[in-house]
C-alpha atoms as a PDB file:
ATOM      1  CA  UNK A   1      87.074  23.869 116.912  1.00  0.00           C
ATOM      2  CA  UNK A   2      89.686  26.374 118.787  1.00  0.00           C
ATOM      3  CA  UNK A   3      91.731  24.682 121.499  1.00  0.00           C
ATOM      4  CA  UNK A   4      91.864  26.281 124.839  1.00  0.00           C
ATOM      5  CA  UNK A   5      94.432  25.993 127.134  1.00  0.00           C
ATOM      6  CA  UNK A   6      93.584  24.699 130.666  1.00  0.00           C
ATOM      7  CA  UNK A   7      93.856  27.521 133.170  1.00  0.00           C
ATOM      8  CA  UNK A   8      95.928  25.026 135.614  1.00  0.00           C
ATOM      9  CA  UNK A   9      98.219  24.451 132.692  1.00  0.00           C
ATOM     10  CA  UNK A  10      98.855  27.997 131.976  1.00  0.00           C
ATOM     11  CA  UNK A  11     101.840  29.893 132.550  1.00  0.00           C
ATOM     12  CA  UNK A  12     102.297  33.481 132.014  1.00  0.00           C
ATOM     13  CA  UNK A  13     104.763  34.457 129.161  1.00  0.00           C
ATOM     14  CA  UNK A  14     108.305  35.468 129.693  1.00  0.00           C
ATOM     15  CA  UNK A  15     109.332  39.011 129.410  1.00  0.00           C
ATOM     16  CA  UNK A  16     111.311  37.891 126.104  1.00  0.00           C
ATOM     17  CA  UNK A  17     107.976  36.345 124.760  1.00  0.00           C
ATOM     18  CA  UNK A  18     105.808  39.458 125.791  1.00  0.00           C
ATOM     19  CA  UNK A  19     108.531  41.608 123.691  1.00  0.00           C
ATOM     20  CA  UNK A  20     108.038  39.388 120.963  1.00  0.00           C
ATOM     21  CA  UNK A  21     104.423  39.612 121.013  1.00  0.00           C
ATOM     22  CA  UNK A  22     104.444  43.329 121.234  1.00  0.00           C
ATOM     23  CA  UNK A  23     106.799  43.559 118.486  1.00  0.00           C
ATOM     24  CA  UNK A  24     104.635  41.255 116.076  1.00  0.00           C
ATOM     25  CA  UNK A  25     101.848  43.602 117.078  1.00  0.00           C
ATOM     26  CA  UNK A  26     103.727  46.473 116.281  1.00  0.00           C
ATOM     27  CA  UNK A  27     104.489  45.006 112.741  1.00  0.00           C
ATOM     28  CA  UNK A  28     100.906  44.225 112.082  1.00  0.00           C
ATOM     29  CA  UNK A  29      99.787  48.127 112.533  1.00  0.00           C
ATOM     30  CA  UNK A  30     103.133  49.121 110.677  1.00  0.00           C
ATOM     31  CA  UNK A  31     102.048  46.661 107.854  1.00  0.00           C
ATOM     32  CA  UNK A  32      98.264  47.959 107.823  1.00  0.00           C
ATOM     33  CA  UNK A  33      99.426  51.764 108.058  1.00  0.00           C
ATOM     34  CA  UNK A  34     101.785  51.137 105.013  1.00  0.00           C
ATOM     35  CA  UNK A  35      98.880  49.988 103.011  1.00  0.00           C
ATOM     36  CA  UNK A  36      97.035  52.772 104.033  1.00  0.00           C
ATOM     37  CA  UNK A  37      99.477  55.145 102.720  1.00  0.00           C
ATOM     38  CA  UNK A  38      99.649  53.318  99.323  1.00  0.00           C
ATOM     39  CA  UNK A  39      95.751  53.418  98.960  1.00  0.00           C
ATOM     40  CA  UNK A  40      96.011  57.486  99.815  1.00  0.00           C
ATOM     41  CA  UNK A  41      98.758  57.730  97.164  1.00  0.00           C
ATOM     42  CA  UNK A  42      96.918  55.770  94.609  1.00  0.00           C
ATOM     43  CA  UNK A  43      93.782  58.045  94.964  1.00  0.00           C
ATOM     44  CA  UNK A  44      92.888  59.736  91.537  1.00  0.00           C
ATOM     45  CA  UNK A  45      90.229  61.029  89.153  1.00  0.00           C
ATOM     46  CA  UNK A  46      88.440  57.447  89.641  1.00  0.00           C
ATOM     47  CA  UNK A  47      87.677  58.395  93.259  1.00  0.00           C
ATOM     48  CA  UNK A  48      86.351  61.786  92.214  1.00  0.00           C
ATOM     49  CA  UNK A  49      84.085  60.224  89.610  1.00  0.00           C
ATOM     50  CA  UNK A  50      82.689  57.834  92.258  1.00  0.00           C
ATOM     51  CA  UNK A  51      82.028  60.713  94.533  1.00  0.00           C
ATOM     52  CA  UNK A  52      80.288  62.502  91.680  1.00  0.00           C
ATOM     53  CA  UNK A  53      77.916  59.246  91.016  1.00  0.00           C
ATOM     54  CA  UNK A  54      77.124  59.124  94.634  1.00  0.00           C
ATOM     55  CA  UNK A  55      76.392  62.776  95.057  1.00  0.00           C
ATOM     56  CA  UNK A  56      74.259  62.794  92.012  1.00  0.00           C
ATOM     57  CA  UNK A  57      71.981  59.934  93.567  1.00  0.00           C
ATOM     58  CA  UNK A  58      68.379  60.572  93.506  1.00  0.00           C
ATOM     59  CA  UNK A  59      67.490  57.437  95.919  1.00  0.00           C
ATOM     60  CA  UNK A  60      69.772  55.903  98.204  1.00  0.00           C
ATOM     61  CA  UNK A  61      73.106  53.815  98.219  1.00  0.00           C
ATOM     62  CA  UNK A  62      72.734  50.258  98.885  1.00  0.00           C
ATOM     63  CA  UNK A  63      76.094  48.921 100.344  1.00  0.00           C
ATOM     64  CA  UNK A  64      76.621  45.212  99.985  1.00  0.00           C
ATOM     65  CA  UNK A  65      79.626  42.560 100.850  1.00  0.00           C
ATOM     66  CA  UNK A  66      79.971  39.366 102.353  1.00  0.00           C
ATOM     67  CA  UNK A  67      81.595  37.859 105.091  1.00  0.00           C
ATOM     68  CA  UNK A  68      84.197  40.304 106.578  1.00  0.00           C
ATOM     69  CA  UNK A  69      83.571  42.519 103.792  1.00  0.00           C
ATOM     70  CA  UNK A  70      79.833  42.532 104.703  1.00  0.00           C
ATOM     71  CA  UNK A  71      80.477  43.652 108.163  1.00  0.00           C
ATOM     72  CA  UNK A  72      82.499  46.578 106.585  1.00  0.00           C
ATOM     73  CA  UNK A  73      79.769  47.358 104.269  1.00  0.00           C
ATOM     74  CA  UNK A  74      77.357  47.709 107.119  1.00  0.00           C
ATOM     75  CA  UNK A  75      79.643  49.993 108.935  1.00  0.00           C
ATOM     76  CA  UNK A  76      80.060  52.064 105.823  1.00  0.00           C
ATOM     77  CA  UNK A  77      76.311  52.045 105.156  1.00  0.00           C
ATOM     78  CA  UNK A  78      75.862  53.716 108.700  1.00  0.00           C
ATOM     79  CA  UNK A  79      78.554  56.172 108.454  1.00  0.00           C
ATOM     80  CA  UNK A  80      77.171  57.339 105.027  1.00  0.00           C
ATOM     81  CA  UNK A  81      73.611  57.889 106.455  1.00  0.00           C
ATOM     82  CA  UNK A  82      74.786  59.549 109.549  1.00  0.00           C
ATOM     83  CA  UNK A  83      76.696  62.099 107.253  1.00  0.00           C
ATOM     84  CA  UNK A  84      74.050  63.181 105.254  1.00  0.00           C
ATOM     85  CA  UNK A  85      74.151  60.212 102.178  1.00  0.00           C
ATOM     86  CA  UNK A  86      71.069  58.141 102.593  1.00  0.00           C
ATOM     87  CA  UNK A  87      72.214  54.515 102.610  1.00  0.00           C
ATOM     88  CA  UNK A  88      71.305  51.074 103.923  1.00  0.00           C
ATOM     89  CA  UNK A  89      72.945  47.524 103.795  1.00  0.00           C
ATOM     90  CA  UNK A  90      71.785  44.682 101.626  1.00  0.00           C
ATOM     91  CA  UNK A  91      72.941  41.336 102.456  1.00  0.00           C
ATOM     92  CA  UNK A  92      74.136  39.432  99.297  1.00  0.00           C
ATOM     93  CA  UNK A  93      72.444  36.218 100.525  1.00  0.00           C
ATOM     94  CA  UNK A  94      69.217  37.694 101.326  1.00  0.00           C
ATOM     95  CA  UNK A  95      69.243  39.674  98.033  1.00  0.00           C
ATOM     96  CA  UNK A  96      68.874  36.427  96.199  1.00  0.00           C
ATOM     97  CA  UNK A  97      65.822  35.591  98.097  1.00  0.00           C
ATOM     98  CA  UNK A  98      63.805  38.731  97.567  1.00  0.00           C
ATOM     99  CA  UNK A  99      65.756  41.648  98.818  1.00  0.00           C
ATOM    100  CA  UNK A 100      66.762  42.870  95.337  1.00  0.00           C
ATOM    101  CA  UNK A 101      63.386  44.366  95.389  1.00  0.00           C
ATOM    102  CA  UNK A 102      64.847  46.900  97.554  1.00  0.00           C
ATOM    103  CA  UNK A 103      66.860  48.487  95.068  1.00  0.00           C
ATOM    104  CA  UNK A 104      64.926  51.228  93.172  1.00  0.00           C
ATOM    105  CA  UNK A 105      65.585  53.527  90.317  1.00  0.00           C
ATOM    106  CA  UNK A 106      67.566  56.060  91.179  1.00  0.00           C
ATOM    107  CA  UNK A 107      69.573  54.107  93.738  1.00  0.00           C
ATOM    108  CA  UNK A 108      73.336  53.048  93.279  1.00  0.00           C
ATOM    109  CA  UNK A 109      75.140  50.018  94.704  1.00  0.00           C
ATOM    110  CA  UNK A 110      78.465  50.351  96.633  1.00  0.00           C
ATOM    111  CA  UNK A 111      79.864  46.629  96.764  1.00  0.00           C
ATOM    112  CA  UNK A 112      83.027  45.320  98.614  1.00  0.00           C
ATOM    113  CA  UNK A 113      84.828  42.327  97.627  1.00  0.00           C
ATOM    114  CA  UNK A 114      88.593  41.814  97.944  1.00  0.00           C
ATOM    115  CA  UNK A 115      88.677  39.108  95.190  1.00  0.00           C
ATOM    116  CA  UNK A 116      85.770  40.431  93.267  1.00  0.00           C
ATOM    117  CA  UNK A 117      84.431  37.124  92.755  1.00  0.00           C
ATOM    118  CA  UNK A 118      82.372  36.677  95.768  1.00  0.00           C
ATOM    119  CA  UNK A 119      79.793  34.062  94.718  1.00  0.00           C
ATOM    120  CA  UNK A 120      77.156  35.536  96.755  1.00  0.00           C
ATOM    121  CA  UNK A 121      77.688  38.875  95.274  1.00  0.00           C
ATOM    122  CA  UNK A 122      76.855  37.662  91.838  1.00  0.00           C
ATOM    123  CA  UNK A 123      72.790  38.217  91.881  1.00  0.00           C
ATOM    124  CA  UNK A 124      73.077  41.607  92.797  1.00  0.00           C
ATOM    125  CA  UNK A 125      75.922  42.463  90.598  1.00  0.00           C
ATOM    126  CA  UNK A 126      74.001  41.335  87.410  1.00  0.00           C
ATOM    127  CA  UNK A 127      70.819  42.510  88.470  1.00  0.00           C
ATOM    128  CA  UNK A 128      72.411  46.321  88.872  1.00  0.00           C
ATOM    129  CA  UNK A 129      73.987  45.452  85.380  1.00  0.00           C
ATOM    130  CA  UNK A 130      70.651  44.577  83.609  1.00  0.00           C
ATOM    131  CA  UNK A 131      68.658  47.546  85.072  1.00  0.00           C
ATOM    132  CA  UNK A 132      71.492  50.161  84.408  1.00  0.00           C
ATOM    133  CA  UNK A 133      71.728  50.951  88.224  1.00  0.00           C
ATOM    134  CA  UNK A 134      75.069  52.649  88.846  1.00  0.00           C
ATOM    135  CA  UNK A 135      77.383  49.842  90.598  1.00  0.00           C
ATOM    136  CA  UNK A 136      80.552  50.959  92.538  1.00  0.00           C
ATOM    137  CA  UNK A 137      83.109  48.083  93.040  1.00  0.00           C
ATOM    138  CA  UNK A 138      85.785  48.411  95.693  1.00  0.00           C
ATOM    139  CA  UNK A 139      88.170  45.478  94.964  1.00  0.00           C
ATOM    140  CA  UNK A 140      91.696  44.759  94.176  1.00  0.00           C
ATOM    141  CA  UNK A 141      90.754  42.423  91.040  1.00  0.00           C
ATOM    142  CA  UNK A 142      89.589  44.300  88.107  1.00  0.00           C
ATOM    143  CA  UNK A 143      89.758  40.861  86.241  1.00  0.00           C
ATOM    144  CA  UNK A 144      86.575  39.740  88.241  1.00  0.00           C
ATOM    145  CA  UNK A 145      82.926  39.384  88.188  1.00  0.00           C
ATOM    146  CA  UNK A 146      82.452  42.804  90.159  1.00  0.00           C
ATOM    147  CA  UNK A 147      85.201  44.202  88.151  1.00  0.00           C
ATOM    148  CA  UNK A 148      84.099  43.344  84.855  1.00  0.00           C
ATOM    149  CA  UNK A 149      80.431  44.735  85.418  1.00  0.00           C
ATOM    150  CA  UNK A 150      80.950  47.913  87.800  1.00  0.00           C
ATOM    151  CA  UNK A 151      80.428  51.025  86.479  1.00  0.00           C
ATOM    152  CA  UNK A 152      83.243  52.287  88.500  1.00  0.00           C
ATOM    153  CA  UNK A 153      85.901  50.898  90.292  1.00  0.00           C
ATOM    154  CA  UNK A 154      87.879  51.719  93.504  1.00  0.00           C
ATOM    155  CA  UNK A 155      91.119  49.660  93.278  1.00  0.00           C
ATOM    156  CA  UNK A 156      92.696  48.409  96.337  1.00  0.00           C
ATOM    157  CA  UNK A 157      96.391  48.120  96.194  1.00  0.00           C
ATOM    158  CA  UNK A 158      97.465  44.601  96.107  1.00  0.00           C
ATOM    159  CA  UNK A 159      99.174  44.064  99.605  1.00  0.00           C
ATOM    160  CA  UNK A 160      99.524  40.662 101.826  1.00  0.00           C
ATOM    161  CA  UNK A 161      97.064  40.498 104.696  1.00  0.00           C
ATOM    162  CA  UNK A 162      98.731  41.040 108.093  1.00  0.00           C
ATOM    163  CA  UNK A 163      98.367  37.519 109.526  1.00  0.00           C
ATOM    164  CA  UNK A 164     101.370  35.333 109.359  1.00  0.00           C
ATOM    165  CA  UNK A 165      99.325  32.634 106.669  1.00  0.00           C
ATOM    166  CA  UNK A 166      98.183  35.608 104.586  1.00  0.00           C
ATOM    167  CA  UNK A 167      94.530  34.374 105.030  1.00  0.00           C
ATOM    168  CA  UNK A 168      92.769  36.153 107.830  1.00  0.00           C
ATOM    169  CA  UNK A 169      90.726  39.391 106.235  1.00  0.00           C
ATOM    170  CA  UNK A 170      93.070  42.093 108.079  1.00  0.00           C
ATOM    171  CA  UNK A 171      94.857  44.550 105.898  1.00  0.00           C
ATOM    172  CA  UNK A 172      92.106  44.189 103.232  1.00  0.00           C
ATOM    173  CA  UNK A 173      89.307  45.109 105.289  1.00  0.00           C
ATOM    174  CA  UNK A 174      91.137  47.994 107.099  1.00  0.00           C
ATOM    175  CA  UNK A 175      91.589  49.288 103.452  1.00  0.00           C
ATOM    176  CA  UNK A 176      87.888  48.908 102.766  1.00  0.00           C
ATOM    177  CA  UNK A 177      86.857  50.742 106.116  1.00  0.00           C
ATOM    178  CA  UNK A 178      89.248  53.515 105.365  1.00  0.00           C
ATOM    179  CA  UNK A 179      88.174  53.889 101.729  1.00  0.00           C
ATOM    180  CA  UNK A 180      84.466  53.694 102.852  1.00  0.00           C
ATOM    181  CA  UNK A 181      85.121  56.619 105.297  1.00  0.00           C
ATOM    182  CA  UNK A 182      87.052  58.690 102.708  1.00  0.00           C
ATOM    183  CA  UNK A 183      83.790  58.524 100.531  1.00  0.00           C
ATOM    184  CA  UNK A 184      81.319  59.155 103.189  1.00  0.00           C
ATOM    185  CA  UNK A 185      83.159  62.196 104.507  1.00  0.00           C
ATOM    186  CA  UNK A 186      84.267  63.690 101.012  1.00  0.00           C
ATOM    187  CA  UNK A 187      80.606  63.332 100.152  1.00  0.00           C
ATOM    188  CA  UNK A 188      79.646  65.039 103.586  1.00  0.00           C
ATOM    189  CA  UNK A 189      82.290  67.971 102.727  1.00  0.00           C
ATOM    190  CA  UNK A 190      80.713  68.390  99.329  1.00  0.00           C
ATOM    191  CA  UNK A 191      77.057  68.710 100.816  1.00  0.00           C
ATOM    192  CA  UNK A 192      78.336  71.336 103.097  1.00  0.00           C
ATOM    193  CA  UNK A 193      77.054  69.676 106.291  1.00  0.00           C
ATOM    194  CA  UNK A 194      76.445  72.295 109.239  1.00  0.00           C
ATOM    195  CA  UNK A 195      76.867  71.115 112.913  1.00  0.00           C
ATOM    196  CA  UNK A 196      72.931  71.694 113.164  1.00  0.00           C
ATOM    197  CA  UNK A 197      72.450  69.039 110.474  1.00  0.00           C
ATOM    198  CA  UNK A 198      74.824  66.723 111.948  1.00  0.00           C
ATOM    199  CA  UNK A 199      73.164  66.959 115.447  1.00  0.00           C
ATOM    200  CA  UNK A 200      69.671  66.236 113.707  1.00  0.00           C
ATOM    201  CA  UNK A 201      71.305  62.875 113.008  1.00  0.00           C
ATOM    202  CA  UNK A 202      73.070  62.216 116.112  1.00  0.00           C
ATOM    203  CA  UNK A 203      70.503  63.260 118.647  1.00  0.00           C
ATOM    204  CA  UNK A 204      71.590  60.887 121.039  1.00  0.00           C
ATOM    205  CA  UNK A 205      74.701  59.943 123.087  1.00  0.00           C
ATOM    206  CA  UNK A 206      77.942  62.110 123.509  1.00  0.00           C
ATOM    207  CA  UNK A 207      77.919  63.193 120.034  1.00  0.00           C
ATOM    208  CA  UNK A 208      74.168  64.602 120.549  1.00  0.00           C
ATOM    209  CA  UNK A 209      75.182  66.512 123.750  1.00  0.00           C
ATOM    210  CA  UNK A 210      78.429  67.822 121.804  1.00  0.00           C
ATOM    211  CA  UNK A 211      76.126  69.293 119.042  1.00  0.00           C
ATOM    212  CA  UNK A 212      73.380  70.633 121.295  1.00  0.00           C
ATOM    213  CA  UNK A 213      72.358  74.085 120.283  1.00  0.00           C
ATOM    214  CA  UNK A 214      71.501  76.998 122.951  1.00  0.00           C
ATOM    215  CA  UNK A 215      68.052  77.252 121.655  1.00  0.00           C
ATOM    216  CA  UNK A 216      67.296  73.850 122.687  1.00  0.00           C
ATOM    217  CA  UNK A 217      67.922  74.248 126.274  1.00  0.00           C
ATOM    218  CA  UNK A 218      67.557  78.104 127.029  1.00  0.00           C
ATOM    219  CA  UNK A 219      64.530  79.427 128.877  1.00  0.00           C
ATOM    220  CA  UNK A 220      62.261  82.036 126.976  1.00  0.00           C
ATOM    221  CA  UNK A 221      59.168  83.959 127.292  1.00  0.00           C
ATOM    222  CA  UNK A 222      58.124  84.933 130.810  1.00  0.00           C
ATOM    223  CA  UNK A 223      60.799  82.848 132.164  1.00  0.00           C
ATOM    224  CA  UNK A 224      63.347  85.623 131.289  1.00  0.00           C
ATOM    225  CA  UNK A 225      64.210  87.884 133.966  1.00  0.00           C
ATOM    226  CA  UNK A 226      63.569  91.316 132.087  1.00  0.00           C
ATOM    227  CA  UNK A 227      62.529  94.730 133.326  1.00  0.00           C
ATOM    228  CA  UNK A 228      62.871  97.985 131.836  1.00  0.00           C
ATOM    229  CA  UNK A 229      65.473 100.523 132.600  1.00  0.00           C
ATOM    230  CA  UNK A 230      63.229 102.647 134.675  1.00  0.00           C
ATOM    231  CA  UNK A 231      62.333  99.958 137.100  1.00  0.00           C
ATOM    232  CA  UNK A 232      63.296 100.828 140.767  1.00  0.00           C
ATOM    233  CA  UNK A 233      65.793  98.403 142.516  1.00  0.00           C
ATOM    234  CA  UNK A 234      63.089  96.795 145.033  1.00  0.00           C
ATOM    235  CA  UNK A 235      61.356  95.516 141.694  1.00  0.00           C
ATOM    236  CA  UNK A 236      64.719  94.143 140.230  1.00  0.00           C
ATOM    237  CA  UNK A 237      65.547  92.404 143.735  1.00  0.00           C
ATOM    238  CA  UNK A 238      62.199  90.825 143.588  1.00  0.00           C
ATOM    239  CA  UNK A 239      62.974  89.619 139.717  1.00  0.00           C
ATOM    240  CA  UNK A 240      65.955  88.420 140.446  1.00  0.00           C
ATOM    241  CA  UNK A 241      64.840  86.194 143.330  1.00  0.00           C
ATOM    242  CA  UNK A 242      61.972  85.210 141.915  1.00  0.00           C
ATOM    243  CA  UNK A 243      63.236  84.009 138.638  1.00  0.00           C
ATOM    244  CA  UNK A 244      66.015  82.281 140.037  1.00  0.00           C
ATOM    245  CA  UNK A 245      69.081  83.123 137.730  1.00  0.00           C
ATOM    246  CA  UNK A 246      70.558  85.673 139.789  1.00  0.00           C
ATOM    247  CA  UNK A 247      70.741  88.242 137.242  1.00  0.00           C
ATOM    248  CA  UNK A 248      68.354  90.671 135.651  1.00  0.00           C
ATOM    249  CA  UNK A 249      68.323  91.872 132.040  1.00  0.00           C
ATOM    250  CA  UNK A 250      67.500  95.562 131.446  1.00  0.00           C
ATOM    251  CA  UNK A 251      65.627  96.439 128.384  1.00  0.00           C
ATOM    252  CA  UNK A 252      65.570  99.780 126.386  1.00  0.00           C
ATOM    253  CA  UNK A 253      63.534 100.141 123.484  1.00  0.00           C
ATOM    254  CA  UNK A 254      63.125  96.332 123.319  1.00  0.00           C
ATOM    255  CA  UNK A 255      66.921  95.600 123.073  1.00  0.00           C
ATOM    256  CA  UNK A 256      69.115  94.274 125.942  1.00  0.00           C
ATOM    257  CA  UNK A 257      70.947  97.474 127.383  1.00  0.00           C
ATOM    258  CA  UNK A 258      72.413  95.753 130.184  1.00  0.00           C
ATOM    259  CA  UNK A 259      72.463  93.439 133.178  1.00  0.00           C
ATOM    260  CA  UNK A 260      72.364  93.530 136.891  1.00  0.00           C
ATOM    261  CA  UNK A 261      74.116  90.694 138.745  1.00  0.00           C
ATOM    262  CA  UNK A 262      74.879  89.996 142.559  1.00  0.00           C
ATOM    263  CA  UNK A 263      78.117  91.738 141.771  1.00  0.00           C
ATOM    264  CA  UNK A 264      76.571  94.950 140.718  1.00  0.00           C
ATOM    265  CA  UNK A 265      74.534  95.009 143.740  1.00  0.00           C
ATOM    266  CA  UNK A 266      77.308  94.745 146.123  1.00  0.00           C
ATOM    267  CA  UNK A 267      79.441  97.196 143.961  1.00  0.00           C
ATOM    268  CA  UNK A 268      76.187  99.766 144.727  1.00  0.00           C
ATOM    269  CA  UNK A 269      75.323  98.760 148.295  1.00  0.00           C
ATOM    270  CA  UNK A 270      74.526 101.774 150.301  1.00  0.00           C
ATOM    271  CA  UNK A 271      71.950 103.711 151.742  1.00  0.00           C
ATOM    272  CA  UNK A 272      70.707 104.982 148.293  1.00  0.00           C
ATOM    273  CA  UNK A 273      70.682 101.350 146.425  1.00  0.00           C
ATOM    274  CA  UNK A 274      66.833 100.896 146.735  1.00  0.00           C
ATOM    275  CA  UNK A 275      66.269 104.538 145.383  1.00  0.00           C
ATOM    276  CA  UNK A 276      67.968 103.794 142.374  1.00  0.00           C
ATOM    277  CA  UNK A 277      66.800 102.984 138.841  1.00  0.00           C
ATOM    278  CA  UNK A 278      67.911  99.707 137.209  1.00  0.00           C
ATOM    279  CA  UNK A 279      69.676 101.511 134.346  1.00  0.00           C
ATOM    280  CA  UNK A 280      71.830 103.505 137.102  1.00  0.00           C
ATOM    281  CA  UNK A 281      73.031 100.106 138.405  1.00  0.00           C
ATOM    282  CA  UNK A 282      73.112  97.669 135.462  1.00  0.00           C
ATOM    283  CA  UNK A 283      76.610  96.605 133.899  1.00  0.00           C
ATOM    284  CA  UNK A 284      76.308  97.883 129.935  1.00  0.00           C
ATOM    285  CA  UNK A 285      77.503  95.349 127.257  1.00  0.00           C
ATOM    286  CA  UNK A 286      77.115  92.192 128.799  1.00  0.00           C
ATOM    287  CA  UNK A 287      78.299  88.888 127.171  1.00  0.00           C
ATOM    288  CA  UNK A 288      75.752  87.204 125.356  1.00  0.00           C
ATOM    289  CA  UNK A 289      75.365  84.395 122.748  1.00  0.00           C
ATOM    290  CA  UNK A 290      73.234  83.677 119.953  1.00  0.00           C
ATOM    291  CA  UNK A 291      70.736  80.673 119.847  1.00  0.00           C
ATOM    292  CA  UNK A 292      72.647  78.939 117.146  1.00  0.00           C
ATOM    293  CA  UNK A 293      75.482  78.676 119.477  1.00  0.00           C
ATOM    294  CA  UNK A 294      76.653  75.359 120.378  1.00  0.00           C
ATOM    295  CA  UNK A 295      75.702  74.872 124.012  1.00  0.00           C
ATOM    296  CA  UNK A 296      79.334  73.485 124.909  1.00  0.00           C
ATOM    297  CA  UNK A 297      80.551  76.671 123.587  1.00  0.00           C
ATOM    298  CA  UNK A 298      78.160  78.816 125.879  1.00  0.00           C
ATOM    299  CA  UNK A 299      79.237  76.700 128.819  1.00  0.00           C
ATOM    300  CA  UNK A 300      82.732  77.604 127.974  1.00  0.00           C
ATOM    301  CA  UNK A 301      82.149  80.966 127.375  1.00  0.00           C
ATOM    302  CA  UNK A 302      80.327  81.185 131.070  1.00  0.00           C
ATOM    303  CA  UNK A 303      83.456  79.524 132.451  1.00  0.00           C
ATOM    304  CA  UNK A 304      85.742  81.906 130.756  1.00  0.00           C
ATOM    305  CA  UNK A 305      83.901  84.921 132.199  1.00  0.00           C
ATOM    306  CA  UNK A 306      83.099  83.501 135.440  1.00  0.00           C
ATOM    307  CA  UNK A 307      79.246  84.027 135.144  1.00  0.00           C
ATOM    308  CA  UNK A 308      76.588  81.501 135.907  1.00  0.00           C
ATOM    309  CA  UNK A 309      74.045  82.883 133.108  1.00  0.00           C
ATOM    310  CA  UNK A 310      73.724  84.115 129.748  1.00  0.00           C
ATOM    311  CA  UNK A 311      71.315  86.227 127.909  1.00  0.00           C
ATOM    312  CA  UNK A 312      70.595  84.967 124.437  1.00  0.00           C
ATOM    313  CA  UNK A 313      70.064  87.788 121.713  1.00  0.00           C
ATOM    314  CA  UNK A 314      68.838  87.958 118.311  1.00  0.00           C
ATOM    315  CA  UNK A 315      70.062  91.592 116.730  1.00  0.00           C
ATOM    316  CA  UNK A 316      70.207  92.759 120.054  1.00  0.00           C
ATOM    317  CA  UNK A 317      67.035  91.772 121.376  1.00  0.00           C
ATOM    318  CA  UNK A 318      66.757  89.320 124.221  1.00  0.00           C
ATOM    319  CA  UNK A 319      64.996  85.731 123.112  1.00  0.00           C
ATOM    320  CA  UNK A 320      66.227  83.686 126.147  1.00  0.00           C
ATOM    321  CA  UNK A 321      68.664  82.937 128.923  1.00  0.00           C
ATOM    322  CA  UNK A 322      70.662  80.025 129.630  1.00  0.00           C
ATOM    323  CA  UNK A 323      72.226  79.133 133.032  1.00  0.00           C
ATOM    324  CA  UNK A 324      74.814  76.832 133.592  1.00  0.00           C
ATOM    325  CA  UNK A 325      72.845  74.206 135.532  1.00  0.00           C
ATOM    326  CA  UNK A 326      70.990  74.046 132.108  1.00  0.00           C
ATOM    327  CA  UNK A 327      73.974  72.790 130.445  1.00  0.00           C
ATOM    328  CA  UNK A 328      74.783  70.487 133.180  1.00  0.00           C
ATOM    329  CA  UNK A 329      71.467  69.051 133.284  1.00  0.00           C
ATOM    330  CA  UNK A 330      71.564  68.522 129.564  1.00  0.00           C
ATOM    331  CA  UNK A 331      74.866  66.448 129.862  1.00  0.00           C
ATOM    332  CA  UNK A 332      77.007  69.264 128.262  1.00  0.00           C
ATOM    333  CA  UNK A 333      80.553  69.445 129.545  1.00  0.00           C
END
């Protein structure tokens, strides 16, 4: 059981002790960074062969590990799935009690074990070997159960753990996590994942807002403030007021020929304004965006050009309008 120091007996560490602690913490980070550098330098054709294997999987990638390696495996499975490589975590203990049935023809197994001899992994390892299911072992021990049965090995460098006793999984789990990220992102790169696809997998939270597309929040159809160039200015003013965007799009031959904003009205203010046609007042060549533009990029464009609305066009034809408040309501910043 952990021993906790009673609060009344606790005394704040001295400045010298604080310096020793920060020095020790820095040494932990340096040790793990050194291990990562060794891992990066050691990547070779074996890594590419694993990428080939996982890229060619027709089913899903079953990621497994026990203890701290199991926590890493859960995260790696989630990262793979969220970057376009269907994956799931299978617990070694549960696998021995029926969850081996989750493994199907066309799947591959990605197993994490620092020693390679984790007892609980044996059933998954042997099951995969008997059924010719590709088995990728992430370990530092090729002369182990996992090392001997794996079809592919990703070898971790032989480095000590970062704790003073060389016992707590620290450096080893950092290496496993980083290698899992490297695999997932290399597969993502090979698949040519687009921002649109990534947004489909991350519709919520800050990532979802960051990858929101203009077409998902723009106004379309009858909501767009559009008039022909022959329209008289009283009609333009009514439209601008009624639609609430503070702008009117002027259309000629179904294409957006220009826009009229409050600024344009002020520049043409005079006794004859109401007698003019829209095409005489409009500002040609307005700033526009495509519907496939990221909303965050459209918001930035509005800020840079000091406008509050942008028309959305497709081959020159207006298909929507986006207002700065649409972006802010959607959480785009």
